[in-house]
C-alpha atoms as a PDB file:
ATOM      1  CA  UNK A   1     118.614   9.290 180.794  1.00  0.00           C
ATOM      2  CA  UNK A   2     115.343   7.623 179.899  1.00  0.00           C
ATOM      3  CA  UNK A   3     113.976   8.151 176.381  1.00  0.00           C
ATOM      4  CA  UNK A   4     110.764   9.644 177.763  1.00  0.00           C
ATOM      5  CA  UNK A   5     112.721  12.243 179.716  1.00  0.00           C
ATOM      6  CA  UNK A   6     114.801  13.075 176.642  1.00  0.00           C
ATOM      7  CA  UNK A   7     111.631  13.613 174.598  1.00  0.00           C
ATOM      8  CA  UNK A   8     110.168  15.807 177.338  1.00  0.00           C
ATOM      9  CA  UNK A   9     113.301  17.971 177.575  1.00  0.00           C
ATOM     10  CA  UNK A  10     113.430  18.239 173.786  1.00  0.00           C
ATOM     11  CA  UNK A  11     109.780  19.369 173.758  1.00  0.00           C
ATOM     12  CA  UNK A  12     110.521  21.975 176.444  1.00  0.00           C
ATOM     13  CA  UNK A  13     113.545  23.269 174.533  1.00  0.00           C
ATOM     14  CA  UNK A  14     111.612  23.432 171.257  1.00  0.00           C
ATOM     15  CA  UNK A  15     108.647  25.219 172.841  1.00  0.00           C
ATOM     16  CA  UNK A  16     110.981  27.741 174.451  1.00  0.00           C
ATOM     17  CA  UNK A  17     112.914  28.337 171.217  1.00  0.00           C
ATOM     18  CA  UNK A  18     109.726  28.764 169.186  1.00  0.00           C
ATOM     19  CA  UNK A  19     108.342  31.157 171.808  1.00  0.00           C
ATOM     20  CA  UNK A  20     111.470  33.323 171.736  1.00  0.00           C
ATOM     21  CA  UNK A  21     111.450  33.321 167.934  1.00  0.00           C
ATOM     22  CA  UNK A  22     107.753  34.225 167.806  1.00  0.00           C
ATOM     23  CA  UNK A  23     108.181  37.120 170.247  1.00  0.00           C
ATOM     24  CA  UNK A  24     111.207  38.385 168.313  1.00  0.00           C
ATOM     25  CA  UNK A  25     109.361  38.103 165.005  1.00  0.00           C
ATOM     26  CA  UNK A  26     106.321  39.936 166.330  1.00  0.00           C
ATOM     27  CA  UNK A  27     108.567  42.671 167.693  1.00  0.00           C
ATOM     28  CA  UNK A  28     110.578  42.974 164.457  1.00  0.00           C
ATOM     29  CA  UNK A  29     107.620  42.900 162.070  1.00  0.00           C
ATOM     30  CA  UNK A  30     105.789  46.146 162.471  1.00  0.00           C
ATOM     31  CA  UNK A  31     103.288  45.451 159.728  1.00  0.00           C
ATOM     32  CA  UNK A  32     103.149  41.769 158.894  1.00  0.00           C
ATOM     33  CA  UNK A  33     100.195  40.243 157.042  1.00  0.00           C
ATOM     34  CA  UNK A  34      97.396  39.139 159.352  1.00  0.00           C
ATOM     35  CA  UNK A  35      97.576  35.518 158.150  1.00  0.00           C
ATOM     36  CA  UNK A  36     101.131  35.368 159.490  1.00  0.00           C
ATOM     37  CA  UNK A  37     100.911  37.660 162.513  1.00  0.00           C
ATOM     38  CA  UNK A  38      97.653  36.348 164.054  1.00  0.00           C
ATOM     39  CA  UNK A  39      98.719  32.692 164.537  1.00  0.00           C
ATOM     40  CA  UNK A  40     102.006  33.806 166.106  1.00  0.00           C
ATOM     41  CA  UNK A  41     100.217  36.241 168.391  1.00  0.00           C
ATOM     42  CA  UNK A  42      97.735  33.548 169.399  1.00  0.00           C
ATOM     43  CA  UNK A  43     100.544  31.123 170.219  1.00  0.00           C
ATOM     44  CA  UNK A  44     102.417  33.559 172.471  1.00  0.00           C
ATOM     45  CA  UNK A  45      99.358  35.180 174.047  1.00  0.00           C
ATOM     46  CA  UNK A  46      99.359  32.982 177.210  1.00  0.00           C
ATOM     47  CA  UNK A  47     102.967  33.886 177.972  1.00  0.00           C
ATOM     48  CA  UNK A  48     102.331  37.564 177.249  1.00  0.00           C
ATOM     49  CA  UNK A  49      99.382  37.499 179.656  1.00  0.00           C
ATOM     50  CA  UNK A  50     101.511  36.001 182.437  1.00  0.00           C
ATOM     51  CA  UNK A  51     104.258  38.540 181.645  1.00  0.00           C
ATOM     52  CA  UNK A  52     101.764  41.390 181.745  1.00  0.00           C
ATOM     53  CA  UNK A  53     100.469  40.353 185.191  1.00  0.00           C
ATOM     54  CA  UNK A  54     103.974  39.741 186.590  1.00  0.00           C
ATOM     55  CA  UNK A  55     106.281  42.320 185.025  1.00  0.00           C
ATOM     56  CA  UNK A  56     104.476  44.357 182.399  1.00  0.00           C
ATOM     57  CA  UNK A  57     103.026  47.735 183.078  1.00  0.00           C
ATOM     58  CA  UNK A  58      99.586  48.996 182.193  1.00  0.00           C
ATOM     59  CA  UNK A  59      98.862  49.565 178.502  1.00  0.00           C
ATOM     60  CA  UNK A  60     101.853  47.540 177.303  1.00  0.00           C
ATOM     61  CA  UNK A  61     100.848  45.119 174.580  1.00  0.00           C
ATOM     62  CA  UNK A  62     103.855  42.796 174.582  1.00  0.00           C
ATOM     63  CA  UNK A  63     107.320  42.440 176.079  1.00  0.00           C
ATOM     64  CA  UNK A  64     109.903  44.537 174.269  1.00  0.00           C
ATOM     65  CA  UNK A  65     113.115  43.999 176.261  1.00  0.00           C
ATOM     66  CA  UNK A  66     115.274  40.879 176.183  1.00  0.00           C
ATOM     67  CA  UNK A  67     114.441  40.118 179.827  1.00  0.00           C
ATOM     68  CA  UNK A  68     110.730  40.564 179.126  1.00  0.00           C
ATOM     69  CA  UNK A  69     110.877  38.306 176.078  1.00  0.00           C
ATOM     70  CA  UNK A  70     112.753  35.612 178.011  1.00  0.00           C
ATOM     71  CA  UNK A  71     110.294  35.802 180.928  1.00  0.00           C
ATOM     72  CA  UNK A  72     107.288  35.670 178.605  1.00  0.00           C
ATOM     73  CA  UNK A  73     108.836  32.756 176.685  1.00  0.00           C
ATOM     74  CA  UNK A  74     109.376  30.795 179.892  1.00  0.00           C
ATOM     75  CA  UNK A  75     105.794  31.522 180.952  1.00  0.00           C
ATOM     76  CA  UNK A  76     104.488  30.599 177.493  1.00  0.00           C
ATOM     77  CA  UNK A  77     106.388  27.304 177.550  1.00  0.00           C
ATOM     78  CA  UNK A  78     105.031  26.486 181.007  1.00  0.00           C
ATOM     79  CA  UNK A  79     101.443  27.289 180.038  1.00  0.00           C
ATOM     80  CA  UNK A  80     101.573  25.133 176.895  1.00  0.00           C
ATOM     81  CA  UNK A  81     103.195  22.245 178.804  1.00  0.00           C
ATOM     82  CA  UNK A  82     100.434  22.401 181.428  1.00  0.00           C
ATOM     83  CA  UNK A  83      97.762  22.421 178.702  1.00  0.00           C
ATOM     84  CA  UNK A  84      99.330  19.408 176.979  1.00  0.00           C
ATOM     85  CA  UNK A  85      99.579  17.564 180.309  1.00  0.00           C
ATOM     86  CA  UNK A  86      95.908  18.290 181.047  1.00  0.00           C
ATOM     87  CA  UNK A  87      94.890  17.114 177.591  1.00  0.00           C
ATOM     88  CA  UNK A  88      96.844  13.879 178.046  1.00  0.00           C
ATOM     89  CA  UNK A  89      95.275  13.348 181.461  1.00  0.00           C
ATOM     90  CA  UNK A  90      91.778  13.920 180.090  1.00  0.00           C
ATOM     91  CA  UNK A  91      92.471  11.546 177.194  1.00  0.00           C
ATOM     92  CA  UNK A  92      93.680   8.899 179.616  1.00  0.00           C
ATOM     93  CA  UNK A  93      90.669   9.306 181.923  1.00  0.00           C
ATOM     94  CA  UNK A  94      87.961   9.608 179.295  1.00  0.00           C
ATOM     95  CA  UNK A  95      89.650   7.292 176.814  1.00  0.00           C
ATOM     96  CA  UNK A  96      89.662   4.536 179.403  1.00  0.00           C
ATOM     97  CA  UNK A  97      85.998   5.099 180.153  1.00  0.00           C
ATOM     98  CA  UNK A  98      85.052   4.950 176.495  1.00  0.00           C
ATOM     99  CA  UNK A  99      87.037   1.739 175.954  1.00  0.00           C
ATOM    100  CA  UNK A 100      85.233   0.005 178.858  1.00  0.00           C
ATOM    101  CA  UNK A 101      81.788   0.570 177.346  1.00  0.00           C
END
């Protein structure tokens, strides 16, 4: 397997693991300090939004079942991978334009 593919799969696995851990932590901590809870909530918010549109019911704030957490973690991983890919594409396009000037 190529080193680039290994790095990509490692990034996917790490993003997924961190997403699952963040969802579990948010679920377990009922009253965590805002400085700890807010960054975690911001990180998993894209996946929770996809979960809410796909599986979640009205007025549910976050996934609470194992299946919901896994689905939201997969969605969160996919969203962050797409955002990183778009950022790399923009850097390649606009970085090349800036270097030519």
